Amino acid sequence: MTSTQETKERKGRGMGLGIALGAGFGAIFGLLFLDGNVGLGAAMGLAQGMVVGMIADDLGRTPVYTLLGIALGLALGAGLGAALSPVLGGVSGTCASVGAGLGLVIGTIADTRKERNA
């Protein structure tokens, strides 16, 4: 099989995997951090999974910095939200969501820059 055929067959796999994993992890996130709102968590995870899948398909490899950025942003946001929760009340989910979004953007920039420099 030629590399062009392999590329065509691989196209879309990242998107499908990103959607499935994003929705699943998002649902768990909603259950844990968004007061049990599984639907909202799944929707947020689905959106991020689609973006990560698109990037993976475009780069032809796993977008490592994007995934690390999301994980780190989620963890730092949840931690910050838990720390601020006694003062502001119940902001852990919001901070974690914002952190994951920022991590997605920063990681994507790093992944695409790495691709241009390669």
Foldseek 3Di string as FASTA:
>chain_A
DDPVVVLVVCQPVQQVVLQVVLLVVQLVLCCPQVVNPSVVRSVLSNVLSNVQSVLCSVLVHRLVQLVVQLVVLLVVQLVVCVVCCVPPNRCNSVRSSVRNVVSNVVSSVVSVVVSVVD
